[in-house]
PDB file of N, CA and C in Angstrom:
ATOM      1  N   MET A   1      91.555  -6.194 -13.993  1.00  0.00           N
ATOM      2  CA  MET A   1      92.016  -7.243 -14.888  1.00  0.00           C
ATOM      3  C   MET A   1      91.674  -6.844 -16.324  1.00  0.00           C
ATOM      4  N   ILE A   2      92.641  -6.923 -17.198  1.00  0.00           N
ATOM      5  CA  ILE A   2      92.450  -6.635 -18.613  1.00  0.00           C
ATOM      6  C   ILE A   2      92.308  -7.961 -19.352  1.00  0.00           C
ATOM      7  N   LEU A   3      91.236  -8.089 -20.130  1.00  0.00           N
ATOM      8  CA  LEU A   3      91.022  -9.310 -20.891  1.00  0.00           C
ATOM      9  C   LEU A   3      91.873  -9.321 -22.149  1.00  0.00           C
ATOM     10  N   CYS A   4      92.195 -10.518 -22.590  1.00  0.00           N
ATOM     11  CA  CYS A   4      92.927 -10.705 -23.838  1.00  0.00           C
ATOM     12  C   CYS A   4      92.112 -10.084 -24.971  1.00  0.00           C
ATOM     13  N   GLU A   5      92.765  -9.296 -25.807  1.00  0.00           N
ATOM     14  CA  GLU A   5      92.057  -8.613 -26.885  1.00  0.00           C
ATOM     15  C   GLU A   5      91.741  -9.536 -28.054  1.00  0.00           C
ATOM     16  N   TYR A   6      92.237 -10.769 -28.013  1.00  0.00           N
ATOM     17  CA  TYR A   6      91.917 -11.723 -29.074  1.00  0.00           C
ATOM     18  C   TYR A   6      90.769 -12.646 -28.656  1.00  0.00           C
ATOM     19  N   CYS A   7      90.942 -13.367 -27.572  1.00  0.00           N
ATOM     20  CA  CYS A   7      89.912 -14.338 -27.169  1.00  0.00           C
ATOM     21  C   CYS A   7      88.855 -13.733 -26.248  1.00  0.00           C
ATOM     22  N   LYS A   8      89.187 -12.670 -25.560  1.00  0.00           N
ATOM     23  CA  LYS A   8      88.287 -11.995 -24.610  1.00  0.00           C
ATOM     24  C   LYS A   8      87.776 -12.937 -23.510  1.00  0.00           C
ATOM     25  N   LYS A   9      88.589 -13.965 -23.189  1.00  0.00           N
ATOM     26  CA  LYS A   9      88.202 -14.930 -22.164  1.00  0.00           C
ATOM     27  C   LYS A   9      89.182 -14.963 -21.001  1.00  0.00           C
ATOM     28  N   ARG A  10      90.479 -14.898 -21.321  1.00  0.00           N
ATOM     29  CA  ARG A  10      91.510 -15.003 -20.297  1.00  0.00           C
ATOM     30  C   ARG A  10      92.159 -13.639 -20.054  1.00  0.00           C
ATOM     31  N   GLU A  11      92.900 -13.562 -18.967  1.00  0.00           N
ATOM     32  CA  GLU A  11      93.570 -12.316 -18.618  1.00  0.00           C
ATOM     33  C   GLU A  11      94.689 -12.011 -19.620  1.00  0.00           C
ATOM     34  N   GLY A  12      94.688 -10.780 -20.127  1.00  0.00           N
ATOM     35  CA  GLY A  12      95.701 -10.342 -21.079  1.00  0.00           C
ATOM     36  C   GLY A  12      96.903  -9.774 -20.352  1.00  0.00           C
ATOM     37  N   ASN A  13      97.745 -10.649 -19.806  1.00  0.00           N
ATOM     38  CA  ASN A  13      98.870 -10.184 -18.999  1.00  0.00           C
ATOM     39  C   ASN A  13     100.165 -10.027 -19.799  1.00  0.00           C
ATOM     40  N   LEU A  14     100.147 -10.314 -21.104  1.00  0.00           N
ATOM     41  CA  LEU A  14     101.296 -10.055 -21.962  1.00  0.00           C
ATOM     42  C   LEU A  14     100.984  -8.847 -22.838  1.00  0.00           C
ATOM     43  N   THR A  15     101.906  -7.911 -22.921  1.00  0.00           N
ATOM     44  CA  THR A  15     101.671  -6.743 -23.760  1.00  0.00           C
ATOM     45  C   THR A  15     102.523  -6.839 -25.016  1.00  0.00           C
ATOM     46  N   TYR A  16     101.937  -6.459 -26.100  1.00  0.00           N
ATOM     47  CA  TYR A  16     102.608  -6.440 -27.395  1.00  0.00           C
ATOM     48  C   TYR A  16     102.422  -5.038 -27.941  1.00  0.00           C
ATOM     49  N   SER A  17     103.502  -4.340 -28.211  1.00  0.00           N
ATOM     50  CA  SER A  17     103.385  -2.975 -28.723  1.00  0.00           C
ATOM     51  C   SER A  17     104.045  -2.866 -30.089  1.00  0.00           C
ATOM     52  N   LYS A  18     103.458  -1.995 -30.911  1.00  0.00           N
ATOM     53  CA  LYS A  18     103.974  -1.787 -32.258  1.00  0.00           C
ATOM     54  C   LYS A  18     103.663  -0.357 -32.652  1.00  0.00           C
ATOM     55  N   THR A  19     104.591   0.279 -33.341  1.00  0.00           N
ATOM     56  CA  THR A  19     104.360   1.627 -33.835  1.00  0.00           C
ATOM     57  C   THR A  19     103.852   1.518 -35.261  1.00  0.00           C
ATOM     58  N   ALA A  20     102.671   2.081 -35.502  1.00  0.00           N
ATOM     59  CA  ALA A  20     102.070   2.049 -36.829  1.00  0.00           C
ATOM     60  C   ALA A  20     101.516   3.434 -37.140  1.00  0.00           C
ATOM     61  N   ASN A  21     101.851   3.950 -38.289  1.00  0.00           N
ATOM     62  CA  ASN A  21     101.398   5.275 -38.717  1.00  0.00           C
ATOM     63  C   ASN A  21     101.728   6.347 -37.689  1.00  0.00           C
ATOM     64  N   GLY A  22     102.883   6.244 -37.073  1.00  0.00           N
ATOM     65  CA  GLY A  22     103.320   7.246 -36.110  1.00  0.00           C
ATOM     66  C   GLY A  22     102.683   7.131 -34.742  1.00  0.00           C
ATOM     67  N   GLN A  23     101.889   6.105 -34.510  1.00  0.00           N
ATOM     68  CA  GLN A  23     101.238   5.917 -33.213  1.00  0.00           C
ATOM     69  C   GLN A  23     101.646   4.566 -32.633  1.00  0.00           C
ATOM     70  N   CYS A  24     101.822   4.549 -31.339  1.00  0.00           N
ATOM     71  CA  CYS A  24     102.165   3.309 -30.650  1.00  0.00           C
ATOM     72  C   CYS A  24     100.869   2.596 -30.248  1.00  0.00           C
ATOM     73  N   VAL A  25     100.739   1.367 -30.678  1.00  0.00           N
ATOM     74  CA  VAL A  25      99.556   0.568 -30.359  1.00  0.00           C
ATOM     75  C   VAL A  25      99.995  -0.530 -29.400  1.00  0.00           C
ATOM     76  N   VAL A  26      99.278  -0.661 -28.288  1.00  0.00           N
ATOM     77  CA  VAL A  26      99.599  -1.675 -27.283  1.00  0.00           C
ATOM     78  C   VAL A  26      98.454  -2.675 -27.222  1.00  0.00           C
ATOM     79  N   LEU A  27      98.773  -3.943 -27.380  1.00  0.00           N
ATOM     80  CA  LEU A  27      97.788  -5.014 -27.281  1.00  0.00           C
ATOM     81  C   LEU A  27      98.040  -5.814 -26.019  1.00  0.00           C
ATOM     82  N   HIS A  28      96.983  -6.274 -25.412  1.00  0.00           N
ATOM     83  CA  HIS A  28      97.081  -7.139 -24.234  1.00  0.00           C
ATOM     84  C   HIS A  28      96.587  -8.521 -24.648  1.00  0.00           C
ATOM     85  N   LEU A  29      97.473  -9.489 -24.560  1.00  0.00           N
ATOM     86  CA  LEU A  29      97.145 -10.847 -24.978  1.00  0.00           C
ATOM     87  C   LEU A  29      97.406 -11.832 -23.848  1.00  0.00           C
ATOM     88  N   CYS A  30      96.650 -12.907 -23.839  1.00  0.00           N
ATOM     89  CA  CYS A  30      96.904 -13.973 -22.871  1.00  0.00           C
ATOM     90  C   CYS A  30      98.042 -14.840 -23.429  1.00  0.00           C
ATOM     91  N   PRO A  31      98.734 -15.575 -22.570  1.00  0.00           N
ATOM     92  CA  PRO A  31      99.838 -16.418 -23.036  1.00  0.00           C
ATOM     93  C   PRO A  31      99.420 -17.457 -24.079  1.00  0.00           C
ATOM     94  N   VAL A  32      98.205 -17.978 -23.968  1.00  0.00           N
ATOM     95  CA  VAL A  32      97.740 -19.004 -24.903  1.00  0.00           C
ATOM     96  C   VAL A  32      97.618 -18.433 -26.311  1.00  0.00           C
ATOM     97  N   CYS A  33      96.951 -17.283 -26.433  1.00  0.00           N
ATOM     98  CA  CYS A  33      96.764 -16.667 -27.751  1.00  0.00           C
ATOM     99  C   CYS A  33      98.089 -16.184 -28.326  1.00  0.00           C
ATOM    100  N   TYR A  34      98.915 -15.597 -27.473  1.00  0.00           N
ATOM    101  CA  TYR A  34     100.204 -15.105 -27.955  1.00  0.00           C
ATOM    102  C   TYR A  34     101.057 -16.252 -28.482  1.00  0.00           C
ATOM    103  N   GLU A  35     101.096 -17.350 -27.762  1.00  0.00           N
ATOM    104  CA  GLU A  35     101.894 -18.501 -28.186  1.00  0.00           C
ATOM    105  C   GLU A  35     101.338 -19.095 -29.479  1.00  0.00           C
ATOM    106  N   LYS A  36     100.008 -19.140 -29.595  1.00  0.00           N
ATOM    107  CA  LYS A  36      99.387 -19.675 -30.806  1.00  0.00           C
ATOM    108  C   LYS A  36      99.783 -18.827 -32.018  1.00  0.00           C
ATOM    109  N   MET A  37      99.687 -17.498 -31.883  1.00  0.00           N
ATOM    110  CA  MET A  37     100.059 -16.605 -32.986  1.00  0.00           C
ATOM    111  C   MET A  37     101.550 -16.719 -33.299  1.00  0.00           C
ATOM    112  N   ASN A  38     102.365 -16.776 -32.259  1.00  0.00           N
ATOM    113  CA  ASN A  38     103.809 -16.856 -32.432  1.00  0.00           C
ATOM    114  C   ASN A  38     104.217 -18.163 -33.122  1.00  0.00           C
ATOM    115  N   SER A  39     103.592 -19.272 -32.746  1.00  0.00           N
ATOM    116  CA  SER A  39     103.942 -20.567 -33.341  1.00  0.00           C
ATOM    117  C   SER A  39     103.534 -20.643 -34.816  1.00  0.00           C
ATOM    118  N   LEU A  40     102.496 -19.879 -35.189  1.00  0.00           N
ATOM    119  CA  LEU A  40     102.055 -19.853 -36.589  1.00  0.00           C
ATOM    120  C   LEU A  40     102.767 -18.782 -37.400  1.00  0.00           C
ATOM    121  N   GLY A  41     103.614 -17.994 -36.729  1.00  0.00           N
ATOM    122  CA  GLY A  41     104.351 -16.941 -37.414  1.00  0.00           C
ATOM    123  C   GLY A  41     103.496 -15.742 -37.772  1.00  0.00           C
ATOM    124  N   LEU A  42     102.415 -15.522 -37.019  1.00  0.00           N
ATOM    125  CA  LEU A  42     101.509 -14.410 -37.296  1.00  0.00           C
ATOM    126  C   LEU A  42     101.870 -13.196 -36.456  1.00  0.00           C
ATOM    127  N   ASP A  43     101.688 -12.022 -37.017  1.00  0.00           N
ATOM    128  CA  ASP A  43     101.905 -10.775 -36.296  1.00  0.00           C
ATOM    129  C   ASP A  43     100.656 -10.486 -35.463  1.00  0.00           C
ATOM    130  N   PRO A  44     100.746 -10.466 -34.142  1.00  0.00           N
ATOM    131  CA  PRO A  44      99.567 -10.227 -33.306  1.00  0.00           C
ATOM    132  C   PRO A  44      98.820  -8.942 -33.668  1.00  0.00           C
ATOM    133  N   PHE A  45      99.545  -7.910 -34.053  1.00  0.00           N
ATOM    134  CA  PHE A  45      98.910  -6.648 -34.434  1.00  0.00           C
ATOM    135  C   PHE A  45      97.972  -6.858 -35.626  1.00  0.00           C
ATOM    136  N   GLU A  46      98.427  -7.576 -36.647  1.00  0.00           N
ATOM    137  CA  GLU A  46      97.611  -7.812 -37.840  1.00  0.00           C
ATOM    138  C   GLU A  46      96.407  -8.707 -37.519  1.00  0.00           C
ATOM    139  N   VAL A  47      96.609  -9.693 -36.657  1.00  0.00           N
ATOM    140  CA  VAL A  47      95.524 -10.599 -36.288  1.00  0.00           C
ATOM    141  C   VAL A  47      94.425  -9.843 -35.547  1.00  0.00           C
ATOM    142  N   VAL A  48      94.804  -9.024 -34.564  1.00  0.00           N
ATOM    143  CA  VAL A  48      93.815  -8.271 -33.791  1.00  0.00           C
ATOM    144  C   VAL A  48      93.159  -7.201 -34.662  1.00  0.00           C
ATOM    145  N   LYS A  49      93.920  -6.592 -35.565  1.00  0.00           N
ATOM    146  CA  LYS A  49      93.363  -5.586 -36.480  1.00  0.00           C
ATOM    147  C   LYS A  49      92.271  -6.209 -37.343  1.00  0.00           C
ATOM    148  N   GLU A  50      92.521  -7.406 -37.868  1.00  0.00           N
ATOM    149  CA  GLU A  50      91.526  -8.111 -38.674  1.00  0.00           C
ATOM    150  C   GLU A  50      90.302  -8.467 -37.838  1.00  0.00           C
ATOM    151  N   LEU A  51      90.535  -8.873 -36.605  1.00  0.00           N
ATOM    152  CA  LEU A  51      89.437  -9.214 -35.704  1.00  0.00           C
ATOM    153  C   LEU A  51      88.544  -8.008 -35.444  1.00  0.00           C
ATOM    154  N   ILE A  52      89.155  -6.841 -35.240  1.00  0.00           N
ATOM    155  CA  ILE A  52      88.395  -5.614 -34.986  1.00  0.00           C
ATOM    156  C   ILE A  52      87.587  -5.233 -36.227  1.00  0.00           C
ATOM    157  N   GLU A  53      88.177  -5.394 -37.411  1.00  0.00           N
ATOM    158  CA  GLU A  53      87.485  -5.032 -38.644  1.00  0.00           C
ATOM    159  C   GLU A  53      86.254  -5.887 -38.881  1.00  0.00           C
ATOM    160  N   ARG A  54      86.290  -7.140 -38.481  1.00  0.00           N
ATOM    161  CA  ARG A  54      85.117  -7.998 -38.705  1.00  0.00           C
ATOM    162  C   ARG A  54      84.207  -8.071 -37.482  1.00  0.00           C
ATOM    163  N   ASP A  55      84.556  -7.346 -36.413  1.00  0.00           N
ATOM    164  CA  ASP A  55      83.742  -7.353 -35.195  1.00  0.00           C
ATOM    165  C   ASP A  55      82.319  -6.932 -35.527  1.00  0.00           C
ATOM    166  N   GLY A  56      81.370  -7.702 -35.103  1.00  0.00           N
ATOM    167  CA  GLY A  56      79.971  -7.414 -35.378  1.00  0.00           C
ATOM    168  C   GLY A  56      79.479  -7.993 -36.688  1.00  0.00           C
ATOM    169  N   THR A  57      80.367  -8.629 -37.452  1.00  0.00           N
ATOM    170  CA  THR A  57      79.953  -9.220 -38.714  1.00  0.00           C
ATOM    171  C   THR A  57      80.134 -10.731 -38.724  1.00  0.00           C
ATOM    172  N   GLU A  58      80.601 -11.285 -37.616  1.00  0.00           N
ATOM    173  CA  GLU A  58      80.821 -12.729 -37.533  1.00  0.00           C
ATOM    174  C   GLU A  58      80.567 -13.198 -36.108  1.00  0.00           C
ATOM    175  N   CYS A  59      79.952 -14.364 -35.969  1.00  0.00           N
ATOM    176  CA  CYS A  59      79.702 -14.940 -34.654  1.00  0.00           C
ATOM    177  C   CYS A  59      81.003 -15.516 -34.102  1.00  0.00           C
ATOM    178  N   ASN A  60      81.324 -15.160 -32.884  1.00  0.00           N
ATOM    179  CA  ASN A  60      82.552 -15.652 -32.256  1.00  0.00           C
ATOM    180  C   ASN A  60      82.477 -17.130 -31.903  1.00  0.00           C
ATOM    181  N   SER A  61      81.274 -17.677 -31.776  1.00  0.00           N
ATOM    182  CA  SER A  61      81.123 -19.079 -31.380  1.00  0.00           C
ATOM    183  C   SER A  61      81.119 -20.039 -32.560  1.00  0.00           C
ATOM    184  N   CYS A  62      80.292 -19.746 -33.569  1.00  0.00           N
ATOM    185  CA  CYS A  62      80.131 -20.709 -34.660  1.00  0.00           C
ATOM    186  C   CYS A  62      80.736 -20.258 -35.982  1.00  0.00           C
ATOM    187  N   GLY A  63      81.095 -18.971 -36.094  1.00  0.00           N
ATOM    188  CA  GLY A  63      81.706 -18.479 -37.325  1.00  0.00           C
ATOM    189  C   GLY A  63      80.729 -18.049 -38.393  1.00  0.00           C
ATOM    190  N   CYS A  64      79.438 -18.113 -38.106  1.00  0.00           N
ATOM    191  CA  CYS A  64      78.428 -17.654 -39.051  1.00  0.00           C
ATOM    192  C   CYS A  64      78.646 -16.159 -39.304  1.00  0.00           C
ATOM    193  N   THR A  65      78.540 -15.721 -40.555  1.00  0.00           N
ATOM    194  CA  THR A  65      78.774 -14.320 -40.888  1.00  0.00           C
ATOM    195  C   THR A  65      77.474 -13.618 -41.245  1.00  0.00           C
ATOM    196  N   VAL A  66      77.540 -12.297 -41.304  1.00  0.00           N
ATOM    197  CA  VAL A  66      76.380 -11.503 -41.712  1.00  0.00           C
ATOM    198  C   VAL A  66      75.981 -11.890 -43.128  1.00  0.00           C
ATOM    199  N   ASN A  67      76.952 -12.147 -43.999  1.00  0.00           N
ATOM    200  CA  ASN A  67      76.630 -12.554 -45.369  1.00  0.00           C
ATOM    201  C   ASN A  67      75.904 -13.897 -45.403  1.00  0.00           C
ATOM    202  N   ASP A  68      76.300 -14.845 -44.525  1.00  0.00           N
ATOM    203  CA  ASP A  68      75.584 -16.120 -44.433  1.00  0.00           C
ATOM    204  C   ASP A  68      74.134 -15.875 -44.034  1.00  0.00           C
ATOM    205  N   PHE A  69      73.940 -14.990 -43.064  1.00  0.00           N
ATOM    206  CA  PHE A  69      72.594 -14.662 -42.588  1.00  0.00           C
ATOM    207  C   PHE A  69      71.776 -14.014 -43.704  1.00  0.00           C
ATOM    208  N   LYS A  70      72.392 -13.105 -44.458  1.00  0.00           N
ATOM    209  CA  LYS A  70      71.679 -12.431 -45.551  1.00  0.00           C
ATOM    210  C   LYS A  70      71.287 -13.407 -46.645  1.00  0.00           C
ATOM    211  N   ASP A  71      72.141 -14.401 -46.907  1.00  0.00           N
ATOM    212  CA  ASP A  71      71.860 -15.379 -47.961  1.00  0.00           C
ATOM    213  C   ASP A  71      70.766 -16.364 -47.580  1.00  0.00           C
ATOM    214  N   THR A  72      70.779 -16.814 -46.324  1.00  0.00           N
ATOM    215  CA  THR A  72      69.871 -17.892 -45.924  1.00  0.00           C
ATOM    216  C   THR A  72      68.785 -17.464 -44.947  1.00  0.00           C
ATOM    217  N   PHE A  73      68.981 -16.335 -44.287  1.00  0.00           N
ATOM    218  CA  PHE A  73      68.108 -15.840 -43.231  1.00  0.00           C
ATOM    219  C   PHE A  73      68.075 -16.806 -42.040  1.00  0.00           C
ATOM    220  N   TYR A  74      69.133 -17.599 -41.907  1.00  0.00           N
ATOM    221  CA  TYR A  74      69.298 -18.499 -40.769  1.00  0.00           C
ATOM    222  C   TYR A  74      70.553 -18.108 -40.006  1.00  0.00           C
ATOM    223  N   LEU A  75      70.526 -18.303 -38.690  1.00  0.00           N
ATOM    224  CA  LEU A  75      71.690 -18.073 -37.850  1.00  0.00           C
ATOM    225  C   LEU A  75      72.250 -19.421 -37.409  1.00  0.00           C
ATOM    226  N   GLY A  76      73.543 -19.455 -37.120  1.00  0.00           N
ATOM    227  CA  GLY A  76      74.196 -20.711 -36.765  1.00  0.00           C
ATOM    228  C   GLY A  76      73.959 -21.174 -35.344  1.00  0.00           C
ATOM    229  N   CYS A  77      73.822 -20.225 -34.393  1.00  0.00           N
ATOM    230  CA  CYS A  77      73.644 -20.594 -32.992  1.00  0.00           C
ATOM    231  C   CYS A  77      73.006 -19.430 -32.239  1.00  0.00           C
ATOM    232  N   SER A  78      72.737 -19.632 -30.956  1.00  0.00           N
ATOM    233  CA  SER A  78      72.087 -18.580 -30.170  1.00  0.00           C
ATOM    234  C   SER A  78      73.006 -17.382 -29.926  1.00  0.00           C
ATOM    235  N   ASP A  79      74.320 -17.577 -29.980  1.00  0.00           N
ATOM    236  CA  ASP A  79      75.254 -16.463 -29.797  1.00  0.00           C
ATOM    237  C   ASP A  79      75.257 -15.508 -30.986  1.00  0.00           C
ATOM    238  N   CYS A  80      74.795 -15.957 -32.137  1.00  0.00           N
ATOM    239  CA  CYS A  80      74.742 -15.089 -33.322  1.00  0.00           C
ATOM    240  C   CYS A  80      73.907 -13.836 -33.039  1.00  0.00           C
ATOM    241  N   TYR A  81      72.830 -13.977 -32.289  1.00  0.00           N
ATOM    242  CA  TYR A  81      71.978 -12.827 -31.972  1.00  0.00           C
ATOM    243  C   TYR A  81      72.768 -11.753 -31.232  1.00  0.00           C
ATOM    244  N   LYS A  82      73.633 -12.173 -30.330  1.00  0.00           N
ATOM    245  CA  LYS A  82      74.432 -11.230 -29.536  1.00  0.00           C
ATOM    246  C   LYS A  82      75.586 -10.670 -30.355  1.00  0.00           C
ATOM    247  N   ASP A  83      76.293 -11.521 -31.063  1.00  0.00           N
ATOM    248  CA  ASP A  83      77.493 -11.100 -31.780  1.00  0.00           C
ATOM    249  C   ASP A  83      77.190 -10.268 -33.027  1.00  0.00           C
ATOM    250  N   MET A  84      76.042 -10.507 -33.655  1.00  0.00           N
ATOM    251  CA  MET A  84      75.687  -9.772 -34.871  1.00  0.00           C
ATOM    252  C   MET A  84      74.387  -8.997 -34.679  1.00  0.00           C
ATOM    253  N   TYR A  85      74.206  -8.427 -33.499  1.00  0.00           N
ATOM    254  CA  TYR A  85      72.952  -7.797 -33.108  1.00  0.00           C
ATOM    255  C   TYR A  85      72.471  -6.748 -34.107  1.00  0.00           C
ATOM    256  N   ASP A  86      73.342  -5.848 -34.536  1.00  0.00           N
ATOM    257  CA  ASP A  86      72.917  -4.764 -35.416  1.00  0.00           C
ATOM    258  C   ASP A  86      72.341  -5.284 -36.727  1.00  0.00           C
ATOM    259  N   ALA A  87      73.028  -6.209 -37.357  1.00  0.00           N
ATOM    260  CA  ALA A  87      72.568  -6.747 -38.635  1.00  0.00           C
ATOM    261  C   ALA A  87      71.293  -7.566 -38.471  1.00  0.00           C
ATOM    262  N   VAL A  88      71.243  -8.377 -37.439  1.00  0.00           N
ATOM    263  CA  VAL A  88      70.093  -9.257 -37.228  1.00  0.00           C
ATOM    264  C   VAL A  88      68.853  -8.462 -36.846  1.00  0.00           C
ATOM    265  N   SER A  89      68.983  -7.540 -35.910  1.00  0.00           N
ATOM    266  CA  SER A  89      67.809  -6.774 -35.474  1.00  0.00           C
ATOM    267  C   SER A  89      67.295  -5.878 -36.594  1.00  0.00           C
ATOM    268  N   GLY A  90      68.206  -5.347 -37.423  1.00  0.00           N
ATOM    269  CA  GLY A  90      67.781  -4.524 -38.558  1.00  0.00           C
ATOM    270  C   GLY A  90      66.986  -5.333 -39.566  1.00  0.00           C
ATOM    271  N   ALA A  91      67.443  -6.543 -39.845  1.00  0.00           N
ATOM    272  CA  ALA A  91      66.747  -7.407 -40.800  1.00  0.00           C
ATOM    273  C   ALA A  91      65.396  -7.844 -40.259  1.00  0.00           C
ATOM    274  N   ILE A  92      65.345  -8.203 -39.002  1.00  0.00           N
ATOM    275  CA  ILE A  92      64.082  -8.623 -38.396  1.00  0.00           C
ATOM    276  C   ILE A  92      63.086  -7.456 -38.388  1.00  0.00           C
ATOM    277  N   GLY A  93      63.585  -6.258 -38.106  1.00  0.00           N
ATOM    278  CA  GLY A  93      62.729  -5.075 -38.090  1.00  0.00           C
ATOM    279  C   GLY A  93      62.130  -4.752 -39.446  1.00  0.00           C
ATOM    280  N   ARG A  94      62.790  -5.162 -40.535  1.00  0.00           N
ATOM    281  CA  ARG A  94      62.269  -4.893 -41.874  1.00  0.00           C
ATOM    282  C   ARG A  94      61.205  -5.894 -42.312  1.00  0.00           C
ATOM    283  N   VAL A  95      61.178  -7.084 -41.715  1.00  0.00           N
ATOM    284  CA  VAL A  95      60.211  -8.103 -42.155  1.00  0.00           C
ATOM    285  C   VAL A  95      59.056  -8.313 -41.188  1.00  0.00           C
ATOM    286  N   GLN A  96      59.128  -7.735 -40.002  1.00  0.00           N
ATOM    287  CA  GLN A  96      58.025  -7.837 -39.053  1.00  0.00           C
ATOM    288  C   GLN A  96      57.963  -6.545 -38.244  1.00  0.00           C
ATOM    289  N   PRO A  97      56.818  -6.248 -37.650  1.00  0.00           N
ATOM    290  CA  PRO A  97      56.645  -4.954 -36.995  1.00  0.00           C
ATOM    291  C   PRO A  97      57.524  -4.691 -35.776  1.00  0.00           C
ATOM    292  N   GLY A  98      58.036  -5.674 -35.125  1.00  0.00           N
ATOM    293  CA  GLY A  98      58.853  -5.439 -33.940  1.00  0.00           C
ATOM    294  C   GLY A  98      59.676  -6.652 -33.580  1.00  0.00           C
ATOM    295  N   THR A  99      60.429  -6.526 -32.504  1.00  0.00           N
ATOM    296  CA  THR A  99      61.261  -7.648 -32.070  1.00  0.00           C
ATOM    297  C   THR A  99      60.709  -8.324 -30.821  1.00  0.00           C
ATOM    298  N   LYS A 100      59.584  -7.836 -30.297  1.00  0.00           N
ATOM    299  CA  LYS A 100      58.943  -8.475 -29.142  1.00  0.00           C
ATOM    300  C   LYS A 100      57.715  -9.242 -29.602  1.00  0.00           C
ATOM    301  N   HIS A 101      57.509 -10.392 -29.006  1.00  0.00           N
ATOM    302  CA  HIS A 101      56.337 -11.200 -29.327  1.00  0.00           C
ATOM    303  C   HIS A 101      55.105 -10.568 -28.690  1.00  0.00           C
ATOM    304  N   VAL A 102      54.090 -10.277 -29.515  1.00  0.00           N
ATOM    305  CA  VAL A 102      52.866  -9.658 -29.000  1.00  0.00           C
ATOM    306  C   VAL A 102      51.619 -10.464 -29.363  1.00  0.00           C
ATOM    307  N   GLY A 103      51.814 -11.636 -29.921  1.00  0.00           N
ATOM    308  CA  GLY A 103      50.682 -12.474 -30.316  1.00  0.00           C
ATOM    309  C   GLY A 103      50.163 -13.304 -29.164  1.00  0.00           C
ATOM    310  N   LYS A 104      49.373 -14.297 -29.527  1.00  0.00           N
ATOM    311  CA  LYS A 104      48.830 -15.198 -28.526  1.00  0.00           C
ATOM    312  C   LYS A 104      49.947 -16.020 -27.908  1.00  0.00           C
ATOM    313  N   ARG A 105      49.742 -16.375 -26.681  1.00  0.00           N
ATOM    314  CA  ARG A 105      50.718 -17.229 -26.027  1.00  0.00           C
ATOM    315  C   ARG A 105      50.381 -18.685 -26.277  1.00  0.00           C
ATOM    316  N   PRO A 106      51.347 -19.561 -26.224  1.00  0.00           N
ATOM    317  CA  PRO A 106      51.090 -20.988 -26.434  1.00  0.00           C
ATOM    318  C   PRO A 106      50.121 -21.539 -25.376  1.00  0.00           C
ATOM    319  N   TYR A 107      49.326 -22.510 -25.782  1.00  0.00           N
ATOM    320  CA  TYR A 107      48.392 -23.145 -24.875  1.00  0.00           C
ATOM    321  C   TYR A 107      49.161 -23.896 -23.783  1.00  0.00           C
ATOM    322  N   ARG A 108      48.722 -23.705 -22.569  1.00  0.00           N
ATOM    323  CA  ARG A 108      49.318 -24.428 -21.427  1.00  0.00           C
ATOM    324  C   ARG A 108      48.233 -25.235 -20.751  1.00  0.00           C
ATOM    325  N   ARG A 109      48.638 -26.345 -20.196  1.00  0.00           N
ATOM    326  CA  ARG A 109      47.704 -27.177 -19.454  1.00  0.00           C
ATOM    327  C   ARG A 109      47.085 -26.355 -18.318  1.00  0.00           C
ATOM    328  N   GLY A 110      45.819 -26.423 -18.177  1.00  0.00           N
ATOM    329  CA  GLY A 110      45.152 -25.670 -17.119  1.00  0.00           C
ATOM    330  C   GLY A 110      44.555 -24.355 -17.614  1.00  0.00           C
ATOM    331  N   ASP A 111      44.879 -23.961 -18.874  1.00  0.00           N
ATOM    332  CA  ASP A 111      44.283 -22.744 -19.448  1.00  0.00           C
ATOM    333  C   ASP A 111      42.922 -23.104 -20.041  1.00  0.00           C
ATOM    334  N   LEU A 112      41.896 -22.627 -19.517  1.00  0.00           N
ATOM    335  CA  LEU A 112      40.552 -22.774 -20.072  1.00  0.00           C
ATOM    336  C   LEU A 112      39.634 -21.779 -19.475  1.00  0.00           C
TER     337      LEU A 112
END
């Protein structure tokens, strides 16, 4: 099964091909995404190209960007860690010695 190259959630059973710069590019899209792009008059090739260019710089769930993170040092949701891993882990590595917790553990009932 090939996933839709736009939403990466549903099966990409529709193919869209376009020749660009002498090369044929084939996209696999689900009917929902294809219809959405078609109804808005968008070229699926341009939409997916833009998505690939910003891949790793924006959270797919909340839309928080690497620039938002750099400005505020806050992330929008728990998916930001996964979607922007390179930028987030690099920043965390510069302000603290590691990404694993090595300090004391929280007090629990029964610890004495």
